[in-house]
PDB file of N, CA and C in Angstrom:
ATOM      1  N   MET A   1     -12.264  21.771 -26.739  1.00  0.00           N
ATOM      2  CA  MET A   1     -12.692  20.716 -26.582  1.00  0.00           C
ATOM      3  C   MET A   1     -11.152  19.860 -25.832  1.00  0.00           C
ATOM      4  N   LYS A   2     -10.081  20.109 -25.698  1.00  0.00           N
ATOM      5  CA  LYS A   2      -8.754  19.899 -24.898  1.00  0.00           C
ATOM      6  C   LYS A   2      -8.884  20.359 -23.658  1.00  0.00           C
ATOM      7  N   ALA A   3      -9.196  22.147 -24.101  1.00  0.00           N
ATOM      8  CA  ALA A   3      -9.382  22.304 -22.523  1.00  0.00           C
ATOM      9  C   ALA A   3     -10.747  22.488 -21.512  1.00  0.00           C
ATOM     10  N   ALA A   4     -11.513  22.097 -22.150  1.00  0.00           N
ATOM     11  CA  ALA A   4     -12.746  21.242 -21.339  1.00  0.00           C
ATOM     12  C   ALA A   4     -12.189  19.515 -20.435  1.00  0.00           C
ATOM     13  N   LEU A   5     -11.365  19.220 -21.785  1.00  0.00           N
ATOM     14  CA  LEU A   5     -11.401  17.807 -21.031  1.00  0.00           C
ATOM     15  C   LEU A   5     -10.020  17.911 -19.998  1.00  0.00           C
ATOM     16  N   VAL A   6      -9.412  18.343 -19.891  1.00  0.00           N
ATOM     17  CA  VAL A   6      -8.411  18.674 -19.352  1.00  0.00           C
ATOM     18  C   VAL A   6      -8.724  18.946 -17.926  1.00  0.00           C
ATOM     19  N   VAL A   7     -10.056  20.258 -17.650  1.00  0.00           N
ATOM     20  CA  VAL A   7     -10.352  20.679 -16.167  1.00  0.00           C
ATOM     21  C   VAL A   7     -11.459  19.247 -16.205  1.00  0.00           C
ATOM     22  N   LEU A   8     -12.315  18.276 -16.947  1.00  0.00           N
ATOM     23  CA  LEU A   8     -12.560  17.720 -16.464  1.00  0.00           C
ATOM     24  C   LEU A   8     -11.717  16.223 -15.773  1.00  0.00           C
ATOM     25  N   LEU A   9     -10.898  16.155 -16.189  1.00  0.00           N
ATOM     26  CA  LEU A   9      -9.686  15.262 -15.764  1.00  0.00           C
ATOM     27  C   LEU A   9      -8.802  15.737 -14.062  1.00  0.00           C
ATOM     28  N   LEU A  10      -8.528  16.992 -14.287  1.00  0.00           N
ATOM     29  CA  LEU A  10      -7.946  17.531 -12.933  1.00  0.00           C
ATOM     30  C   LEU A  10      -9.504  17.151 -11.888  1.00  0.00           C
ATOM     31  N   VAL A  11     -10.635  17.658 -12.501  1.00  0.00           N
ATOM     32  CA  VAL A  11     -11.970  17.328 -11.529  1.00  0.00           C
ATOM     33  C   VAL A  11     -12.020  16.105 -11.071  1.00  0.00           C
ATOM     34  N   ALA A  12     -12.293  15.380 -11.694  1.00  0.00           N
ATOM     35  CA  ALA A  12     -12.085  14.024 -10.975  1.00  0.00           C
ATOM     36  C   ALA A  12     -10.937  13.281 -10.722  1.00  0.00           C
ATOM     37  N   LEU A  13      -9.452  13.908 -10.760  1.00  0.00           N
ATOM     38  CA  LEU A  13      -8.353  13.303 -10.230  1.00  0.00           C
ATOM     39  C   LEU A  13      -8.745  13.982  -8.452  1.00  0.00           C
ATOM     40  N   THR A  14      -9.087  15.602  -8.609  1.00  0.00           N
ATOM     41  CA  THR A  14      -9.182  15.884  -7.410  1.00  0.00           C
ATOM     42  C   THR A  14     -10.351  14.995  -6.271  1.00  0.00           C
ATOM     43  N   ALA A  15     -11.509  15.072  -6.653  1.00  0.00           N
ATOM     44  CA  ALA A  15     -12.163  14.230  -6.476  1.00  0.00           C
ATOM     45  C   ALA A  15     -12.187  12.675  -5.658  1.00  0.00           C
ATOM     46  N   TRP A  16     -11.418  12.350  -6.722  1.00  0.00           N
ATOM     47  CA  TRP A  16     -10.588  11.108  -6.279  1.00  0.00           C
ATOM     48  C   TRP A  16      -9.704  10.665  -5.242  1.00  0.00           C
ATOM     49  N   LEU A  17      -8.973  11.554  -5.329  1.00  0.00           N
ATOM     50  CA  LEU A  17      -7.898  12.000  -4.328  1.00  0.00           C
ATOM     51  C   LEU A  17      -8.144  12.383  -3.228  1.00  0.00           C
ATOM     52  N   GLY A  18      -9.575  13.101  -2.997  1.00  0.00           N
ATOM     53  CA  GLY A  18      -9.913  13.390  -1.324  1.00  0.00           C
ATOM     54  C   GLY A  18     -11.065  12.457  -1.385  1.00  0.00           C
ATOM     55  N   TYR A  19     -11.389  11.556  -1.925  1.00  0.00           N
ATOM     56  CA  TYR A  19     -12.090   9.748  -1.329  1.00  0.00           C
ATOM     57  C   TYR A  19     -11.046   8.973  -0.961  1.00  0.00           C
ATOM     58  N   SER A  20     -10.272   9.390  -1.367  1.00  0.00           N
ATOM     59  CA  SER A  20      -8.838   8.156  -1.408  1.00  0.00           C
ATOM     60  C   SER A  20      -8.265   8.555   0.138  1.00  0.00           C
ATOM     61  N   LEU A  21      -8.086  10.101   1.006  1.00  0.00           N
ATOM     62  CA  LEU A  21      -7.490  10.456   1.811  1.00  0.00           C
ATOM     63  C   LEU A  21      -8.466   9.864   2.637  1.00  0.00           C
ATOM     64  N   LYS A  22      -9.987  10.096   2.696  1.00  0.00           N
ATOM     65  CA  LYS A  22     -10.958  10.546   3.638  1.00  0.00           C
ATOM     66  C   LYS A  22     -10.902   8.778   4.090  1.00  0.00           C
ATOM     67  N   ARG A  23     -10.893   7.421   3.070  1.00  0.00           N
ATOM     68  CA  ARG A  23     -11.031   6.423   3.128  1.00  0.00           C
ATOM     69  C   ARG A  23      -9.936   6.209   3.753  1.00  0.00           C
ATOM     70  N   SER A  24      -8.517   6.259   3.345  1.00  0.00           N
ATOM     71  CA  SER A  24      -7.281   6.015   4.594  1.00  0.00           C
ATOM     72  C   SER A  24      -7.371   6.770   5.963  1.00  0.00           C
ATOM     73  N   SER A  25      -8.082   7.860   6.097  1.00  0.00           N
ATOM     74  CA  SER A  25      -8.017   8.425   7.180  1.00  0.00           C
ATOM     75  C   SER A  25      -9.227   7.439   8.257  1.00  0.00           C
ATOM     76  N   THR A  26      -9.889   7.130   7.509  1.00  0.00           N
ATOM     77  CA  THR A  26     -11.223   6.299   8.392  1.00  0.00           C
ATOM     78  C   THR A  26     -10.563   4.913   8.731  1.00  0.00           C
ATOM     79  N   ARG A  27     -10.233   4.427   7.594  1.00  0.00           N
ATOM     80  CA  ARG A  27      -8.824   3.256   8.492  1.00  0.00           C
ATOM     81  C   ARG A  27      -7.963   3.489   9.082  1.00  0.00           C
ATOM     82  N   LEU A  28      -7.362   4.569   9.396  1.00  0.00           N
ATOM     83  CA  LEU A  28      -6.480   4.874  10.811  1.00  0.00           C
ATOM     84  C   LEU A  28      -6.839   4.946  11.901  1.00  0.00           C
ATOM     85  N   SER A  29      -8.197   5.365  11.574  1.00  0.00           N
ATOM     86  CA  SER A  29      -8.822   6.115  12.751  1.00  0.00           C
ATOM     87  C   SER A  29      -8.807   5.652  13.733  1.00  0.00           C
ATOM     88  N   PRO A  30      -8.859   3.847  14.300  1.00  0.00           N
ATOM     89  CA  PRO A  30      -9.282   3.272  15.318  1.00  0.00           C
ATOM     90  C   PRO A  30      -7.532   2.711  15.534  1.00  0.00           C
ATOM     91  N   ARG A  31      -6.796   2.495  15.102  1.00  0.00           N
ATOM     92  CA  ARG A  31      -5.288   2.475  15.159  1.00  0.00           C
ATOM     93  C   ARG A  31      -4.872   4.158  15.640  1.00  0.00           C
ATOM     94  N   ARG A  32      -5.307   5.058  15.387  1.00  0.00           N
ATOM     95  CA  ARG A  32      -4.642   6.166  16.290  1.00  0.00           C
ATOM     96  C   ARG A  32      -5.332   6.222  17.356  1.00  0.00           C
ATOM     97  N   LYS A  33      -6.685   5.758  17.418  1.00  0.00           N
ATOM     98  CA  LYS A  33      -7.002   5.747  19.087  1.00  0.00           C
ATOM     99  C   LYS A  33      -6.308   5.071  19.533  1.00  0.00           C
ATOM    100  N   ALA A  34      -6.214   4.129  19.731  1.00  0.00           N
ATOM    101  CA  ALA A  34      -6.062   3.027  20.622  1.00  0.00           C
ATOM    102  C   ALA A  34      -4.428   3.543  20.596  1.00  0.00           C
ATOM    103  N   ALA A  35      -3.221   4.056  19.970  1.00  0.00           N
ATOM    104  CA  ALA A  35      -1.960   4.577  19.822  1.00  0.00           C
ATOM    105  C   ALA A  35      -2.008   5.716  21.062  1.00  0.00           C
ATOM    106  N   GLN A  36      -3.013   6.513  20.556  1.00  0.00           N
ATOM    107  CA  GLN A  36      -3.453   7.403  21.962  1.00  0.00           C
ATOM    108  C   GLN A  36      -3.784   6.964  23.170  1.00  0.00           C
ATOM    109  N   ALA A  37      -4.222   6.001  23.310  1.00  0.00           N
ATOM    110  CA  ALA A  37      -4.924   5.462  24.287  1.00  0.00           C
ATOM    111  C   ALA A  37      -3.165   4.732  25.023  1.00  0.00           C
ATOM    112  N   GLN A  38      -2.978   3.939  24.154  1.00  0.00           N
ATOM    113  CA  GLN A  38      -1.215   3.585  24.569  1.00  0.00           C
ATOM    114  C   GLN A  38      -0.816   4.490  25.347  1.00  0.00           C
ATOM    115  N   PHE A  39      -0.522   5.946  24.790  1.00  0.00           N
ATOM    116  CA  PHE A  39      -0.110   7.139  25.039  1.00  0.00           C
ATOM    117  C   PHE A  39      -0.374   7.709  26.470  1.00  0.00           C
ATOM    118  N   ARG A  40      -1.646   7.803  26.911  1.00  0.00           N
ATOM    119  CA  ARG A  40      -1.589   8.191  28.079  1.00  0.00           C
ATOM    120  C   ARG A  40      -1.986   7.350  29.068  1.00  0.00           C
ATOM    121  N   ALA A  41      -1.965   5.648  28.565  1.00  0.00           N
ATOM    122  CA  ALA A  41      -1.400   4.560  29.468  1.00  0.00           C
ATOM    123  C   ALA A  41      -0.116   4.734  30.272  1.00  0.00           C
ATOM    124  N   THR A  42       0.407   5.733  29.096  1.00  0.00           N
ATOM    125  CA  THR A  42       2.250   5.073  29.620  1.00  0.00           C
ATOM    126  C   THR A  42       2.818   5.797  30.501  1.00  0.00           C
ATOM    127  N   LYS A  43       3.421   4.830  31.590  1.00  0.00           N
ATOM    128  CA  LYS A  43       4.097   5.461  32.753  1.00  0.00           C
ATOM    129  C   LYS A  43       5.335   5.033  33.102  1.00  0.00           C
ATOM    130  N   VAL A  44       6.373   6.246  32.866  1.00  0.00           N
ATOM    131  CA  VAL A  44       7.981   5.799  33.038  1.00  0.00           C
ATOM    132  C   VAL A  44       8.491   6.472  33.708  1.00  0.00           C
ATOM    133  N   ALA A  45       8.816   5.787  35.078  1.00  0.00           N
ATOM    134  CA  ALA A  45       9.504   6.351  36.179  1.00  0.00           C
ATOM    135  C   ALA A  45      10.774   6.627  36.432  1.00  0.00           C
ATOM    136  N   ALA A  46      11.444   7.701  37.411  1.00  0.00           N
ATOM    137  CA  ALA A  46      12.420   7.405  37.324  1.00  0.00           C
ATOM    138  C   ALA A  46      12.755   8.750  38.738  1.00  0.00           C
ATOM    139  N   ALA A  47      13.929   7.926  39.046  1.00  0.00           N
ATOM    140  CA  ALA A  47      14.675   8.826  40.543  1.00  0.00           C
ATOM    141  C   ALA A  47      14.452  10.340  40.724  1.00  0.00           C
ATOM    142  N   ASP A  48      14.493  10.882  39.352  1.00  0.00           N
ATOM    143  CA  ASP A  48      14.433  12.120  39.855  1.00  0.00           C
ATOM    144  C   ASP A  48      12.905  12.650  38.865  1.00  0.00           C
ATOM    145  N   ALA A  49      11.972  13.156  39.567  1.00  0.00           N
ATOM    146  CA  ALA A  49      10.760  13.108  38.947  1.00  0.00           C
ATOM    147  C   ALA A  49      10.768  14.041  38.078  1.00  0.00           C
ATOM    148  N   ARG A  50      12.069  14.652  37.273  1.00  0.00           N
ATOM    149  CA  ARG A  50      11.980  15.927  35.654  1.00  0.00           C
ATOM    150  C   ARG A  50      12.067  14.898  35.178  1.00  0.00           C
ATOM    151  N   TYR A  51      12.114  13.681  34.963  1.00  0.00           N
ATOM    152  CA  TYR A  51      12.993  12.492  33.860  1.00  0.00           C
ATOM    153  C   TYR A  51      11.418  11.644  33.803  1.00  0.00           C
ATOM    154  N   ALA A  52      10.693  11.599  34.613  1.00  0.00           N
ATOM    155  CA  ALA A  52       9.637  10.877  34.981  1.00  0.00           C
ATOM    156  C   ALA A  52       8.251  11.200  33.851  1.00  0.00           C
ATOM    157  N   LEU A  53       7.526  10.411  33.005  1.00  0.00           N
ATOM    158  CA  LEU A  53       6.639  10.795  32.516  1.00  0.00           C
ATOM    159  C   LEU A  53       5.799   9.712  32.702  1.00  0.00           C
ATOM    160  N   ASP A  54       4.394  11.321  32.588  1.00  0.00           N
ATOM    161  CA  ASP A  54       2.728  10.116  32.445  1.00  0.00           C
ATOM    162  C   ASP A  54       2.147  10.592  31.959  1.00  0.00           C
ATOM    163  N   GLY A  55       1.531   9.563  30.937  1.00  0.00           N
ATOM    164  CA  GLY A  55       1.302  10.138  29.795  1.00  0.00           C
ATOM    165  C   GLY A  55      -0.154  10.716  30.068  1.00  0.00           C
ATOM    166  N   ALA A  56      -0.714  10.472  30.936  1.00  0.00           N
ATOM    167  CA  ALA A  56      -2.212  11.046  31.164  1.00  0.00           C
ATOM    168  C   ALA A  56      -1.853  12.414  31.462  1.00  0.00           C
ATOM    169  N   ASN A  57      -0.827  13.270  31.952  1.00  0.00           N
ATOM    170  CA  ASN A  57      -0.854  14.358  32.421  1.00  0.00           C
ATOM    171  C   ASN A  57       0.431  14.663  31.621  1.00  0.00           C
ATOM    172  N   ALA A  58       0.746  14.596  30.489  1.00  0.00           N
ATOM    173  CA  ALA A  58       2.106  14.894  29.908  1.00  0.00           C
ATOM    174  C   ALA A  58       1.244  16.392  28.711  1.00  0.00           C
ATOM    175  N   THR A  59       1.757  16.911  28.011  1.00  0.00           N
ATOM    176  CA  THR A  59       1.515  17.885  27.149  1.00  0.00           C
ATOM    177  C   THR A  59       1.879  17.340  25.696  1.00  0.00           C
ATOM    178  N   ILE A  60       0.907  17.045  24.774  1.00  0.00           N
ATOM    179  CA  ILE A  60       1.582  16.768  23.049  1.00  0.00           C
ATOM    180  C   ILE A  60       2.157  17.884  22.853  1.00  0.00           C
ATOM    181  N   ALA A  61       3.342  17.980  22.011  1.00  0.00           N
ATOM    182  CA  ALA A  61       3.616  18.786  21.469  1.00  0.00           C
ATOM    183  C   ALA A  61       3.147  18.442  19.564  1.00  0.00           C
ATOM    184  N   LYS A  62       3.461  17.354  19.603  1.00  0.00           N
ATOM    185  CA  LYS A  62       3.240  17.232  18.135  1.00  0.00           C
ATOM    186  C   LYS A  62       3.324  15.722  18.026  1.00  0.00           C
ATOM    187  N   GLU A  63       2.465  15.306  16.902  1.00  0.00           N
ATOM    188  CA  GLU A  63       2.040  13.821  16.591  1.00  0.00           C
ATOM    189  C   GLU A  63       2.209  13.645  14.908  1.00  0.00           C
ATOM    190  N   GLU A  64       2.703  12.512  14.684  1.00  0.00           N
ATOM    191  CA  GLU A  64       3.288  12.138  13.629  1.00  0.00           C
ATOM    192  C   GLU A  64       2.639  10.609  13.220  1.00  0.00           C
ATOM    193  N   GLU A  65       1.609  10.843  12.289  1.00  0.00           N
ATOM    194  CA  GLU A  65       1.631   9.044  12.163  1.00  0.00           C
ATOM    195  C   GLU A  65       2.322   8.334  10.583  1.00  0.00           C
ATOM    196  N   THR A  66       2.628   7.305  10.627  1.00  0.00           N
ATOM    197  CA  THR A  66       3.273   6.375   9.800  1.00  0.00           C
ATOM    198  C   THR A  66       2.889   5.279   9.831  1.00  0.00           C
ATOM    199  N   THR A  67       2.676   4.903   8.135  1.00  0.00           N
ATOM    200  CA  THR A  67       2.281   3.257   7.914  1.00  0.00           C
ATOM    201  C   THR A  67       3.188   2.948   7.052  1.00  0.00           C
ATOM    202  N   GLY A  68       3.031   1.556   7.150  1.00  0.00           N
ATOM    203  CA  GLY A  68       4.266   0.641   6.652  1.00  0.00           C
ATOM    204  C   GLY A  68       4.238   0.237   4.724  1.00  0.00           C
ATOM    205  N   ALA A  69       2.831   0.692   4.449  1.00  0.00           N
ATOM    206  CA  ALA A  69       2.391   0.903   2.898  1.00  0.00           C
ATOM    207  C   ALA A  69       2.119   1.897   2.519  1.00  0.00           C
ATOM    208  N   SER A  70       2.223   2.875   1.098  1.00  0.00           N
ATOM    209  CA  SER A  70       2.173   3.488   0.461  1.00  0.00           C
ATOM    210  C   SER A  70       0.725   3.625   0.423  1.00  0.00           C
ATOM    211  N   ASP A  71      -0.316   2.760   0.252  1.00  0.00           N
ATOM    212  CA  ASP A  71      -1.653   2.946  -0.338  1.00  0.00           C
ATOM    213  C   ASP A  71      -2.439   3.035   0.879  1.00  0.00           C
ATOM    214  N   GLY A  72      -1.891   3.665   1.967  1.00  0.00           N
ATOM    215  CA  GLY A  72      -2.708   4.157   3.301  1.00  0.00           C
ATOM    216  C   GLY A  72      -3.191   3.190   4.371  1.00  0.00           C
ATOM    217  N   SER A  73      -3.088   1.907   3.989  1.00  0.00           N
ATOM    218  CA  SER A  73      -3.202   0.865   4.613  1.00  0.00           C
ATOM    219  C   SER A  73      -2.423   0.791   5.896  1.00  0.00           C
ATOM    220  N   ASP A  74      -3.052   0.205   6.919  1.00  0.00           N
ATOM    221  CA  ASP A  74      -2.592   0.261   8.527  1.00  0.00           C
ATOM    222  C   ASP A  74      -1.212  -0.472   8.987  1.00  0.00           C
ATOM    223  N   PHE A  75      -0.970  -1.122   8.211  1.00  0.00           N
ATOM    224  CA  PHE A  75       0.108  -2.276   7.903  1.00  0.00           C
ATOM    225  C   PHE A  75       1.131  -1.537   8.874  1.00  0.00           C
ATOM    226  N   GLY A  76       1.850  -1.739   9.830  1.00  0.00           N
ATOM    227  CA  GLY A  76       2.754  -1.109   9.992  1.00  0.00           C
ATOM    228  C   GLY A  76       2.647   0.218  10.536  1.00  0.00           C
ATOM    229  N   TYR A  77       1.649   0.297  11.344  1.00  0.00           N
ATOM    230  CA  TYR A  77       1.378   1.878  11.964  1.00  0.00           C
ATOM    231  C   TYR A  77       2.201   2.110  12.756  1.00  0.00           C
ATOM    232  N   VAL A  78       2.519   3.152  12.877  1.00  0.00           N
ATOM    233  CA  VAL A  78       3.129   3.537  14.145  1.00  0.00           C
ATOM    234  C   VAL A  78       2.656   5.275  14.409  1.00  0.00           C
ATOM    235  N   LEU A  79       2.646   5.732  15.767  1.00  0.00           N
ATOM    236  CA  LEU A  79       2.367   7.262  16.367  1.00  0.00           C
ATOM    237  C   LEU A  79       3.341   7.460  17.105  1.00  0.00           C
ATOM    238  N   THR A  80       3.810   8.628  15.980  1.00  0.00           N
ATOM    239  CA  THR A  80       4.761   9.030  17.096  1.00  0.00           C
ATOM    240  C   THR A  80       4.543  10.410  18.032  1.00  0.00           C
ATOM    241  N   ILE A  81       4.289  10.319  19.303  1.00  0.00           N
ATOM    242  CA  ILE A  81       4.281  11.410  19.720  1.00  0.00           C
ATOM    243  C   ILE A  81       5.269  12.524  20.895  1.00  0.00           C
ATOM    244  N   PHE A  82       5.565  13.768  20.948  1.00  0.00           N
ATOM    245  CA  PHE A  82       6.335  14.229  21.302  1.00  0.00           C
ATOM    246  C   PHE A  82       5.479  15.005  22.153  1.00  0.00           C
ATOM    247  N   ALA A  83       6.141  14.549  23.147  1.00  0.00           N
ATOM    248  CA  ALA A  83       5.395  15.314  24.593  1.00  0.00           C
ATOM    249  C   ALA A  83       6.042  15.844  25.795  1.00  0.00           C
ATOM    250  N   CYS A  84       5.536  16.859  26.478  1.00  0.00           N
ATOM    251  CA  CYS A  84       6.678  17.269  27.911  1.00  0.00           C
ATOM    252  C   CYS A  84       5.603  16.881  29.159  1.00  0.00           C
ATOM    253  N   ASN A  85       6.536  17.016  30.373  1.00  0.00           N
ATOM    254  CA  ASN A  85       5.677  16.657  31.377  1.00  0.00           C
ATOM    255  C   ASN A  85       5.652  17.968  32.128  1.00  0.00           C
ATOM    256  N   ALA A  86       5.237  18.123  33.297  1.00  0.00           N
ATOM    257  CA  ALA A  86       5.215  19.669  34.035  1.00  0.00           C
ATOM    258  C   ALA A  86       6.587  20.428  34.541  1.00  0.00           C
ATOM    259  N   TYR A  87       7.692  19.275  33.839  1.00  0.00           N
ATOM    260  CA  TYR A  87       9.034  20.084  34.314  1.00  0.00           C
ATOM    261  C   TYR A  87       9.772  20.881  33.212  1.00  0.00           C
ATOM    262  N   GLY A  88       8.981  20.202  32.031  1.00  0.00           N
ATOM    263  CA  GLY A  88       9.121  20.775  30.981  1.00  0.00           C
ATOM    264  C   GLY A  88      10.293  20.403  30.023  1.00  0.00           C
ATOM    265  N   GLU A  89      10.750  18.590  30.613  1.00  0.00           N
ATOM    266  CA  GLU A  89      11.226  17.530  29.833  1.00  0.00           C
ATOM    267  C   GLU A  89      10.539  17.322  28.485  1.00  0.00           C
ATOM    268  N   TYR A  90      11.583  16.517  27.551  1.00  0.00           N
ATOM    269  CA  TYR A  90      10.699  16.280  26.320  1.00  0.00           C
ATOM    270  C   TYR A  90      10.792  15.299  26.339  1.00  0.00           C
ATOM    271  N   PHE A  91       9.869  14.002  25.588  1.00  0.00           N
ATOM    272  CA  PHE A  91      10.246  12.239  25.614  1.00  0.00           C
ATOM    273  C   PHE A  91       9.602  12.412  23.912  1.00  0.00           C
ATOM    274  N   MET A  92       9.900  11.305  23.607  1.00  0.00           N
ATOM    275  CA  MET A  92       9.423  11.017  22.310  1.00  0.00           C
ATOM    276  C   MET A  92       8.679   9.212  22.577  1.00  0.00           C
ATOM    277  N   PHE A  93       7.556   9.309  22.208  1.00  0.00           N
ATOM    278  CA  PHE A  93       6.500   8.098  22.598  1.00  0.00           C
ATOM    279  C   PHE A  93       6.306   7.704  20.845  1.00  0.00           C
ATOM    280  N   LYS A  94       6.867   5.902  20.782  1.00  0.00           N
ATOM    281  CA  LYS A  94       6.537   5.732  19.215  1.00  0.00           C
ATOM    282  C   LYS A  94       5.693   4.195  19.812  1.00  0.00           C
ATOM    283  N   SER A  95       4.156   4.387  19.214  1.00  0.00           N
ATOM    284  CA  SER A  95       3.306   3.342  19.554  1.00  0.00           C
ATOM    285  C   SER A  95       3.913   1.728  19.223  1.00  0.00           C
ATOM    286  N   GLY A  96       3.329   0.450  20.068  1.00  0.00           N
ATOM    287  CA  GLY A  96       3.692  -0.504  19.549  1.00  0.00           C
ATOM    288  C   GLY A  96       2.878  -1.287  19.682  1.00  0.00           C
ATOM    289  N   ASN A  97       2.876  -2.649  18.928  1.00  0.00           N
ATOM    290  CA  ASN A  97       1.572  -3.550  19.072  1.00  0.00           C
ATOM    291  C   ASN A  97       1.074  -4.051  20.203  1.00  0.00           C
ATOM    292  N   THR A  98       2.571  -4.453  21.549  1.00  0.00           N
ATOM    293  CA  THR A  98       2.411  -4.696  22.550  1.00  0.00           C
ATOM    294  C   THR A  98       2.791  -3.668  23.604  1.00  0.00           C
ATOM    295  N   VAL A  99       4.945  -3.036  23.400  1.00  0.00           N
ATOM    296  CA  VAL A  99       5.111  -2.285  24.388  1.00  0.00           C
ATOM    297  C   VAL A  99       5.492  -1.021  23.533  1.00  0.00           C
ATOM    298  N   PRO A 100       5.121   0.053  24.082  1.00  0.00           N
ATOM    299  CA  PRO A 100       6.064   1.528  22.642  1.00  0.00           C
ATOM    300  C   PRO A 100       7.080   1.652  23.206  1.00  0.00           C
ATOM    301  N   TYR A 101       7.682   2.392  22.794  1.00  0.00           N
ATOM    302  CA  TYR A 101       9.316   2.850  22.698  1.00  0.00           C
ATOM    303  C   TYR A 101       8.984   4.394  23.140  1.00  0.00           C
ATOM    304  N   VAL A 102       9.603   4.541  24.030  1.00  0.00           N
ATOM    305  CA  VAL A 102       9.218   5.972  25.176  1.00  0.00           C
ATOM    306  C   VAL A 102      10.965   6.307  25.687  1.00  0.00           C
ATOM    307  N   LYS A 103      11.613   7.406  24.988  1.00  0.00           N
ATOM    308  CA  LYS A 103      12.669   8.049  25.406  1.00  0.00           C
ATOM    309  C   LYS A 103      12.470   9.133  25.658  1.00  0.00           C
ATOM    310  N   HIS A 104      13.337   9.944  26.760  1.00  0.00           N
ATOM    311  CA  HIS A 104      13.689  11.031  26.705  1.00  0.00           C
ATOM    312  C   HIS A 104      14.602  11.897  25.636  1.00  0.00           C
ATOM    313  N   MET A 105      14.315  13.588  25.726  1.00  0.00           N
ATOM    314  CA  MET A 105      14.838  13.671  24.198  1.00  0.00           C
ATOM    315  C   MET A 105      15.437  15.039  24.834  1.00  0.00           C
ATOM    316  N   SER A 106      16.908  15.197  24.938  1.00  0.00           N
ATOM    317  CA  SER A 106      17.589  16.550  24.890  1.00  0.00           C
ATOM    318  C   SER A 106      16.771  17.817  24.718  1.00  0.00           C
ATOM    319  N   HIS A 107      16.788  19.039  25.526  1.00  0.00           N
ATOM    320  CA  HIS A 107      16.377  20.105  24.680  1.00  0.00           C
ATOM    321  C   HIS A 107      17.191  20.490  23.505  1.00  0.00           C
ATOM    322  N   ALA A 108      18.048  20.535  22.869  1.00  0.00           N
ATOM    323  CA  ALA A 108      18.719  20.449  21.344  1.00  0.00           C
ATOM    324  C   ALA A 108      17.799  19.629  20.439  1.00  0.00           C
ATOM    325  N   VAL A 109      18.043  18.762  21.162  1.00  0.00           N
ATOM    326  CA  VAL A 109      17.336  17.802  19.980  1.00  0.00           C
ATOM    327  C   VAL A 109      15.244  17.649  20.068  1.00  0.00           C
ATOM    328  N   ALA A 110      14.829  18.102  21.031  1.00  0.00           N
ATOM    329  CA  ALA A 110      12.955  18.621  21.225  1.00  0.00           C
ATOM    330  C   ALA A 110      13.560  19.576  20.409  1.00  0.00           C
ATOM    331  N   LYS A 111      14.407  20.501  20.276  1.00  0.00           N
ATOM    332  CA  LYS A 111      14.287  21.686  19.889  1.00  0.00           C
ATOM    333  C   LYS A 111      14.125  21.675  18.077  1.00  0.00           C
ATOM    334  N   ALA A 112      15.199  20.664  17.892  1.00  0.00           N
ATOM    335  CA  ALA A 112      15.257  20.394  15.909  1.00  0.00           C
ATOM    336  C   ALA A 112      13.788  19.473  15.829  1.00  0.00           C
ATOM    337  N   ALA A 113      13.417  18.517  16.396  1.00  0.00           N
ATOM    338  CA  ALA A 113      12.428  18.099  16.117  1.00  0.00           C
ATOM    339  C   ALA A 113      10.701  19.021  16.026  1.00  0.00           C
ATOM    340  N   LEU A 114      11.014  19.444  16.836  1.00  0.00           N
ATOM    341  CA  LEU A 114       9.543  20.335  17.210  1.00  0.00           C
ATOM    342  C   LEU A 114       9.409  21.801  16.461  1.00  0.00           C
ATOM    343  N   LYS A 115      10.719  22.575  16.735  1.00  0.00           N
ATOM    344  CA  LYS A 115      11.142  23.777  15.294  1.00  0.00           C
ATOM    345  C   LYS A 115      10.328  25.047  16.369  1.00  0.00           C
ATOM    346  N   GLU A 116       8.774  25.409  15.705  1.00  0.00           N
ATOM    347  CA  GLU A 116       8.425  26.302  16.304  1.00  0.00           C
ATOM    348  C   GLU A 116       7.531  25.775  17.729  1.00  0.00           C
ATOM    349  N   LYS A 117       7.510  24.564  17.157  1.00  0.00           N
ATOM    350  CA  LYS A 117       6.213  23.948  18.529  1.00  0.00           C
ATOM    351  C   LYS A 117       7.232  23.506  19.856  1.00  0.00           C
ATOM    352  N   TYR A 118       7.971  23.704  19.988  1.00  0.00           N
ATOM    353  CA  TYR A 118       9.646  23.631  21.113  1.00  0.00           C
ATOM    354  C   TYR A 118       8.828  24.831  22.011  1.00  0.00           C
ATOM    355  N   LEU A 119       9.212  24.624  23.514  1.00  0.00           N
ATOM    356  CA  LEU A 119       9.254  25.974  24.178  1.00  0.00           C
ATOM    357  C   LEU A 119      10.026  25.468  25.383  1.00  0.00           C
ATOM    358  N   PRO A 120      11.117  26.035  25.326  1.00  0.00           N
ATOM    359  CA  PRO A 120      11.824  26.080  26.317  1.00  0.00           C
ATOM    360  C   PRO A 120      11.499  25.584  27.807  1.00  0.00           C
ATOM    361  N   PRO A 121      12.114  24.801  28.967  1.00  0.00           N
ATOM    362  CA  PRO A 121      11.289  24.568  30.366  1.00  0.00           C
ATOM    363  C   PRO A 121      11.221  25.818  31.152  1.00  0.00           C
ATOM    364  N   PRO A 122      10.387  25.512  31.919  1.00  0.00           N
ATOM    365  CA  PRO A 122      10.130  26.402  32.803  1.00  0.00           C
ATOM    366  C   PRO A 122      10.967  27.210  33.803  1.00  0.00           C
ATOM    367  N   ALA A 123      11.166  28.151  34.036  1.00  0.00           N
ATOM    368  CA  ALA A 123      12.802  29.157  35.012  1.00  0.00           C
ATOM    369  C   ALA A 123      12.331  29.205  36.049  1.00  0.00           C
ATOM    370  N   ASN A 124      13.375  28.295  37.210  1.00  0.00           N
ATOM    371  CA  ASN A 124      13.294  27.468  39.138  1.00  0.00           C
ATOM    372  C   ASN A 124      12.866  28.591  39.136  1.00  0.00           C
TER     373      ASN A 124
END
């Protein structure tokens, strides 16, 4: 009898977690799409073309979503994108309400952040 009750509780907990995760990901979906569009529209000019970023043509290596609330609500939502340009230079993009934050990353920092997803720059 106790074993059946434990199994029933585990099944109920698993179902609730699945529902909760699906609900929160559905809520974040419009924010994620807006942040991805913000990245694709991002252009960073530089005197040296190696350090310029055009989000529309960049290769995304990794994306991370962060919310300011533990319940999965979109309060304080930030999408962090690690991407590289055609020259193999890496950039970190953080979505913002109005203006995103974009920073060039050294290869040592990119390698530490991306681990196995890091690709060295192409040979000249």
